[in-house]
């Protein structure tokens, strides 16, 4: 993998605005959007967004005390402001881990605090298991291990149990044959080059995921009205999850012993329908240096009641 230069492009407006914006060339034709916030001598940290494919958001900066941390936030390959947009070429979990190492080395961090939620939690664990010597600690939200079992539960048993009418909507886009394996069928449709095929599938999948992620969704049914909107996360999720997140079966649990000695805090919404509590507790049973903190009023989203506060408190505890 070849590396390239970095191009600063902005200056801060206030203490929650980036102290620097950078384009980092990581090889394979990919250029990553990277921003930093906080004190130059602060505790190094990295935030990993979800999806895959969603990109980092201004709200993610607010998780870090800028007087105590120097946090790096970046859009992963094909996501957000990174280019080429939505590119699936040379875009695997191993590539993202290697990108994180390039970012860490670029900033000169010996070790850093790794923070991520949902898919960001998947990547955080994969990185920490590959490079435990580079990790100061780990803060996870909505633990997802990147397995087909989790996806089949979320879009199958979980969906049909808690939102049976929505589940019928979800299946209605598929042929009777496709309904025998709806998750696989959706991924095939989303990755189909024909917009008439992937457009409706991407919207239905994305809207279903959004409803499952909210503890009080505004609507619980799918709208199949014609639309040009195609969510980027649906495409990237189909790419990753149709390849089992580019990991060996149950890789993150099998390698969880490599986290020994690394302190972790796992924030878990009690009513998370995408990443239910059992996953966090199963991980903590092996990774005994981790503590699970359950937020009883919340589901999956970072914006659910109590989740942002719990994640912020978890990060802050590493400054002590």
Protein backbone atom coordinates (compact mmCIF):
# COMPACT_ATOMS: atom_id res chain seq x y z
CA UNK A 1 0.00 0.00 0.00
CA UNK A 2 1.38 3.38 -0.97
CA UNK A 3 1.04 6.53 1.10
CA UNK A 4 0.72 10.14 0.14
CA UNK A 5 0.79 13.61 1.59
CA UNK A 6 -1.57 15.58 3.80
CA UNK A 7 -3.17 18.86 2.87
CA UNK A 8 -4.38 21.19 5.67
CA UNK A 9 -7.54 23.02 4.63
CA UNK A 10 -9.06 24.96 7.53
CA UNK A 11 -8.68 26.60 10.96
CA UNK A 12 -10.90 26.45 14.06
CA UNK A 13 -13.91 28.65 14.69
CA UNK A 14 -14.38 27.65 18.36
CA UNK A 15 -13.21 24.90 20.71
CA UNK A 16 -15.70 22.38 19.25
CA UNK A 17 -14.72 23.17 15.67
CA UNK A 18 -11.83 21.20 14.17
CA UNK A 19 -8.38 22.51 14.98
CA UNK A 20 -7.34 21.14 11.58
CA UNK A 21 -8.93 19.53 8.54
CA UNK A 22 -6.76 17.19 6.52
CA UNK A 23 -6.96 15.08 3.40
CA UNK A 24 -4.89 11.94 3.92
CA UNK A 25 -3.94 9.81 0.93
CA UNK A 26 -3.88 6.21 2.09
CA UNK A 27 -3.30 4.43 -1.21
CA UNK A 28 -5.51 2.46 -3.61
CA UNK A 29 -6.83 5.79 -4.91
CA UNK A 30 -8.52 6.64 -1.60
CA UNK A 31 -8.24 10.01 0.16
CA UNK A 32 -9.66 10.28 3.67
CA UNK A 33 -11.27 13.31 5.26
CA UNK A 34 -9.64 13.71 8.69
CA UNK A 35 -10.31 16.32 11.37
CA UNK A 36 -8.89 16.91 14.84
CA UNK A 37 -10.26 18.74 17.85
CA UNK A 38 -8.91 19.65 21.25
CA UNK A 39 -5.62 20.50 22.91
CA UNK A 40 -2.36 19.79 21.12
CA UNK A 41 -1.06 18.06 24.27
CA UNK A 42 -4.35 16.31 25.05
CA UNK A 43 -4.91 12.59 25.45
CA UNK A 44 -4.91 11.03 21.94
CA UNK A 45 -8.25 9.55 20.87
CA UNK A 46 -9.93 8.39 17.68
CA UNK A 47 -13.65 8.26 16.92
CA UNK A 48 -14.99 5.62 14.54
CA UNK A 49 -18.33 6.33 12.86
CA UNK A 50 -20.98 3.76 12.13
CA UNK A 51 -22.58 2.36 9.05
CA UNK A 52 -20.27 1.43 7.48
CA UNK A 53 -20.63 4.41 5.20
CA UNK A 54 -22.23 7.09 7.38
CA UNK A 55 -19.30 9.45 8.02
CA UNK A 56 -18.42 11.44 11.15
CA UNK A 57 -20.74 14.22 12.32
CA UNK A 58 -20.35 17.46 14.34
CA UNK A 59 -22.21 15.81 17.23
CA UNK A 60 -19.40 13.29 17.55
CA UNK A 61 -16.93 16.06 18.45
CA UNK A 62 -19.00 16.97 21.47
CA UNK A 63 -18.23 13.63 23.10
CA UNK A 64 -14.69 14.85 23.82
CA UNK A 65 -13.59 17.51 26.32
CA UNK A 66 -11.36 19.71 24.11
CA UNK A 67 -9.29 20.77 27.12
CA UNK A 68 -8.30 17.20 27.94
CA UNK A 69 -8.32 15.26 24.65
CA UNK A 70 -6.86 15.52 21.19
CA UNK A 71 -9.42 13.61 19.20
CA UNK A 72 -9.21 12.50 15.58
CA UNK A 73 -12.40 11.95 13.60
CA UNK A 74 -12.33 10.68 10.02
CA UNK A 75 -14.62 9.45 7.26
CA UNK A 76 -13.80 5.86 6.38
CA UNK A 77 -13.14 4.75 2.80
CA UNK A 78 -16.06 5.56 0.53
CA UNK A 79 -17.92 7.41 3.31
CA UNK A 80 -18.83 11.03 3.97
CA UNK A 81 -16.31 13.48 2.56
CA UNK A 82 -13.68 10.86 1.73
CA UNK A 83 -13.09 10.14 -1.94
CA UNK A 84 -13.92 8.39 -4.20
CA UNK A 85 -17.42 8.62 -2.76
CA UNK A 86 -19.13 5.28 -2.17
CA UNK A 87 -16.16 3.40 -3.62
CA UNK A 88 -16.09 -0.30 -2.80
CA UNK A 89 -12.69 -0.87 -4.42
CA UNK A 90 -9.97 -1.82 -1.92
CA UNK A 91 -12.50 -1.28 0.85
CA UNK A 92 -12.41 -3.99 3.51
CA UNK A 93 -12.03 -4.15 7.28
CA UNK A 94 -8.31 -4.83 6.86
CA UNK A 95 -7.97 -1.68 4.74
CA UNK A 96 -9.73 0.39 7.41
CA UNK A 97 -7.46 -0.98 10.14
CA UNK A 98 -4.42 -0.11 8.03
CA UNK A 99 -5.84 3.39 7.47
CA UNK A 100 -6.14 3.86 11.22
CA UNK A 101 -2.49 2.98 11.63
CA UNK A 102 -1.53 5.51 8.95
CA UNK A 103 -3.58 8.16 10.74
CA UNK A 104 -2.04 7.32 14.12
CA UNK A 105 1.47 7.46 12.71
CA UNK A 106 0.72 10.72 10.88
CA UNK A 107 -0.18 12.43 14.15
CA UNK A 108 2.69 10.81 16.03
CA UNK A 109 0.54 9.07 18.64
CA UNK A 110 2.15 6.14 20.44
CA UNK A 111 -1.24 4.97 21.72
CA UNK A 112 -4.76 6.34 21.65
CA UNK A 113 -8.21 5.89 23.13
CA UNK A 114 -10.45 4.12 20.61
CA UNK A 115 -14.14 5.09 20.58
CA UNK A 116 -16.88 3.74 18.32
CA UNK A 117 -20.53 2.79 18.12
CA UNK A 118 -22.41 0.14 16.15
CA UNK A 119 -20.21 -0.54 13.07
CA UNK A 120 -17.73 1.82 14.73
CA UNK A 121 -17.66 -0.63 17.65
CA UNK A 122 -16.96 -3.47 15.19
CA UNK A 123 -14.03 -1.59 13.72
CA UNK A 124 -12.80 -0.52 17.17
CA UNK A 125 -12.65 -4.14 18.30
CA UNK A 126 -11.06 -5.35 15.06
CA UNK A 127 -8.38 -2.65 15.33
CA UNK A 128 -7.72 -3.26 19.02
CA UNK A 129 -7.38 -7.00 18.50
CA UNK A 130 -4.96 -6.41 15.63
CA UNK A 131 -2.94 -3.72 17.46
CA UNK A 132 -3.54 -4.04 21.23
CA UNK A 133 -0.21 -2.35 21.96
CA UNK A 134 -1.53 0.86 20.35
CA UNK A 135 -4.67 1.14 22.49
CA UNK A 136 -4.97 3.21 25.69
CA UNK A 137 -8.54 2.09 26.25
CA UNK A 138 -11.80 1.42 24.43
CA UNK A 139 -15.26 3.00 24.67
CA UNK A 140 -17.99 1.20 22.75
CA UNK A 141 -21.65 2.01 22.16
CA UNK A 142 -24.13 -0.49 20.72
CA UNK A 143 -21.74 -3.40 20.36
CA UNK A 144 -21.95 -5.08 16.97
CA UNK A 145 -19.62 -7.97 16.09
CA UNK A 146 -20.23 -7.89 12.33
CA UNK A 147 -21.82 -11.34 12.11
CA UNK A 148 -24.62 -12.68 9.95
CA UNK A 149 -26.32 -14.03 13.10
CA UNK A 150 -26.76 -10.47 14.38
CA UNK A 151 -28.12 -9.23 11.05
CA UNK A 152 -30.55 -12.13 10.70
CA UNK A 153 -31.87 -11.41 14.19
CA UNK A 154 -32.21 -7.65 13.66
CA UNK A 155 -33.91 -7.87 10.25
CA UNK A 156 -35.67 -11.16 10.95
CA UNK A 157 -36.66 -12.32 14.43
CA UNK A 158 -36.26 -8.91 16.06
CA UNK A 159 -38.04 -7.01 13.30
CA UNK A 160 -40.94 -9.47 13.05
CA UNK A 161 -41.32 -9.61 16.83
CA UNK A 162 -41.38 -5.90 17.59
CA UNK A 163 -42.66 -4.48 14.29
CA UNK A 164 -44.66 -7.21 12.51
CA UNK A 165 -46.36 -4.78 10.09
CA UNK A 166 -43.00 -3.24 9.21
CA UNK A 167 -41.61 -6.73 8.66
CA UNK A 168 -44.41 -7.38 6.16
CA UNK A 169 -43.51 -4.13 4.39
CA UNK A 170 -39.84 -5.19 4.37
CA UNK A 171 -40.67 -8.55 2.77
CA UNK A 172 -43.15 -7.09 0.29
CA UNK A 173 -40.37 -5.77 -1.94
CA UNK A 174 -39.04 -9.31 -2.43
CA UNK A 175 -40.26 -12.22 -4.53
CA UNK A 176 -41.59 -15.31 -2.69
CA UNK A 177 -38.31 -17.09 -3.42
CA UNK A 178 -36.23 -14.19 -2.10
CA UNK A 179 -38.16 -14.12 1.17
CA UNK A 180 -36.53 -17.39 2.23
CA UNK A 181 -33.31 -15.40 2.78
CA UNK A 182 -34.42 -11.76 2.97
CA UNK A 183 -31.15 -10.25 4.19
CA UNK A 184 -29.14 -11.87 1.40
CA UNK A 185 -31.82 -10.88 -1.11
CA UNK A 186 -31.71 -7.26 -0.02
CA UNK A 187 -27.94 -7.15 -0.30
CA UNK A 188 -28.08 -8.60 -3.83
CA UNK A 189 -30.64 -6.01 -4.86
CA UNK A 190 -28.75 -3.11 -3.26
CA UNK A 191 -25.55 -4.11 -5.08
CA UNK A 192 -27.32 -4.51 -8.43
CA UNK A 193 -26.08 -1.82 -10.87
CA UNK A 194 -29.63 -1.12 -12.13
CA UNK A 195 -31.03 1.86 -10.21
CA UNK A 196 -34.52 0.50 -10.70
CA UNK A 197 -33.45 -2.49 -8.62
CA UNK A 198 -31.05 -1.02 -6.06
CA UNK A 199 -32.91 2.27 -5.46
CA UNK A 200 -36.09 0.89 -3.85
CA UNK A 201 -34.12 -1.79 -1.98
CA UNK A 202 -31.62 0.69 -0.54
CA UNK A 203 -34.40 3.02 0.61
CA UNK A 204 -36.44 0.22 2.18
CA UNK A 205 -33.42 -1.26 3.93
CA UNK A 206 -32.21 2.15 5.15
CA UNK A 207 -35.64 3.19 6.42
CA UNK A 208 -36.12 -0.12 8.21
CA UNK A 209 -32.74 0.21 9.88
CA UNK A 210 -33.54 3.78 10.92
CA UNK A 211 -36.82 2.74 12.53
CA UNK A 212 -35.09 -0.05 14.43
CA UNK A 213 -32.41 2.40 15.60
CA UNK A 214 -34.88 4.84 17.21
CA UNK A 215 -36.54 4.24 20.54
CA UNK A 216 -39.54 6.35 19.45
CA UNK A 217 -39.63 6.40 15.62
CA UNK A 218 -41.94 8.94 13.99
CA UNK A 219 -43.26 6.25 11.64
CA UNK A 220 -43.14 2.47 11.73
CA UNK A 221 -44.11 1.68 8.13
CA UNK A 222 -42.25 1.90 4.84
CA UNK A 223 -43.13 4.46 2.18
CA UNK A 224 -42.62 3.06 -1.32
CA UNK A 225 -43.31 6.34 -3.11
CA UNK A 226 -40.89 6.98 -6.00
CA UNK A 227 -37.80 8.85 -4.86
CA UNK A 228 -34.29 9.59 -6.08
CA UNK A 229 -32.88 9.30 -2.55
CA UNK A 230 -30.43 6.43 -2.20
CA UNK A 231 -28.80 6.18 1.24
CA UNK A 232 -25.03 5.71 1.07
CA UNK A 233 -24.95 3.53 4.16
CA UNK A 234 -27.19 0.90 2.56
CA UNK A 235 -24.72 0.43 -0.30
CA UNK A 236 -21.69 0.16 1.97
CA UNK A 237 -23.46 -2.09 4.45
CA UNK A 238 -24.48 -4.43 1.64
CA UNK A 239 -20.87 -4.49 0.45
CA UNK A 240 -19.45 -5.27 3.88
CA UNK A 241 -22.14 -7.50 5.30
CA UNK A 242 -22.52 -9.64 2.18
CA UNK A 243 -18.84 -10.47 2.78
CA UNK A 244 -19.32 -11.18 6.51
CA UNK A 245 -17.63 -7.86 7.32
CA UNK A 246 -14.47 -9.23 5.68
CA UNK A 247 -13.67 -11.21 8.82
CA UNK A 248 -13.48 -14.88 9.74
CA UNK A 249 -16.57 -16.38 11.39
CA UNK A 250 -16.94 -15.03 14.96
CA UNK A 251 -13.50 -13.46 14.61
CA UNK A 252 -14.00 -10.70 17.18
CA UNK A 253 -15.16 -13.08 19.91
CA UNK A 254 -12.48 -15.63 19.05
CA UNK A 255 -9.76 -12.97 19.36
CA UNK A 256 -11.26 -11.13 22.34
CA UNK A 257 -8.53 -12.58 24.56
CA UNK A 258 -6.15 -10.17 22.83
CA UNK A 259 -7.92 -7.33 24.66
CA UNK A 260 -6.68 -8.56 28.03
CA UNK A 261 -5.23 -5.69 30.03
CA UNK A 262 -7.06 -3.02 28.02
CA UNK A 263 -9.69 -1.18 30.03
CA UNK A 264 -13.03 -0.90 28.29
CA UNK A 265 -16.42 0.67 28.87
CA UNK A 266 -19.39 -0.61 26.86
CA UNK A 267 -22.44 1.66 26.77
CA UNK A 268 -25.57 -0.30 25.95
CA UNK A 269 -29.15 0.83 25.37
CA UNK A 270 -31.60 -1.52 27.07
CA UNK A 271 -33.98 -1.45 24.08
CA UNK A 272 -31.47 -1.56 21.25
CA UNK A 273 -33.15 -3.65 18.53
CA UNK A 274 -30.16 -3.59 16.18
CA UNK A 275 -27.46 -4.43 18.72
CA UNK A 276 -29.23 -6.03 21.70
CA UNK A 277 -27.64 -6.18 25.18
CA UNK A 278 -26.77 -9.86 24.99
CA UNK A 279 -23.91 -9.11 22.58
CA UNK A 280 -22.27 -6.62 24.93
CA UNK A 281 -22.58 -9.01 27.86
CA UNK A 282 -21.21 -11.95 25.89
CA UNK A 283 -18.18 -9.86 24.89
CA UNK A 284 -17.61 -8.67 28.46
CA UNK A 285 -17.70 -12.26 29.71
CA UNK A 286 -14.50 -12.87 27.72
CA UNK A 287 -13.02 -9.36 27.87
CA UNK A 288 -13.06 -9.14 31.65
CA UNK A 289 -11.37 -5.72 31.71
CA UNK A 290 -14.54 -4.26 30.21
CA UNK A 291 -17.51 -2.84 32.10
CA UNK A 292 -21.03 -2.79 30.62
CA UNK A 293 -23.07 0.32 31.43
CA UNK A 294 -26.74 -0.11 30.53
CA UNK A 295 -28.90 2.92 29.77
CA UNK A 296 -32.43 1.80 30.64
CA UNK A 297 -34.29 4.51 28.69
CA UNK A 298 -32.47 4.09 25.39
CA UNK A 299 -32.30 2.09 22.20
CA UNK A 300 -29.59 2.14 19.54
CA UNK A 301 -29.09 5.78 18.62
CA UNK A 302 -26.41 8.03 20.07
CA UNK A 303 -29.11 10.68 20.46
CA UNK A 304 -31.40 8.47 22.56
CA UNK A 305 -32.02 9.67 26.14
CA UNK A 306 -28.96 9.08 28.28
CA UNK A 307 -26.69 7.59 25.62
CA UNK A 308 -24.66 10.70 24.74
CA UNK A 309 -24.23 11.46 28.44
CA UNK A 310 -23.09 7.90 29.16
CA UNK A 311 -20.59 7.85 26.29
CA UNK A 312 -19.25 11.28 27.26
CA UNK A 313 -18.83 10.17 30.87
CA UNK A 314 -17.09 6.99 29.76
CA UNK A 315 -14.62 8.93 27.63
CA UNK A 316 -14.06 11.47 30.39
CA UNK A 317 -13.19 8.69 32.87
CA UNK A 318 -10.07 7.91 30.85
CA UNK A 319 -8.79 11.44 31.50
CA UNK A 320 -8.54 10.67 35.20
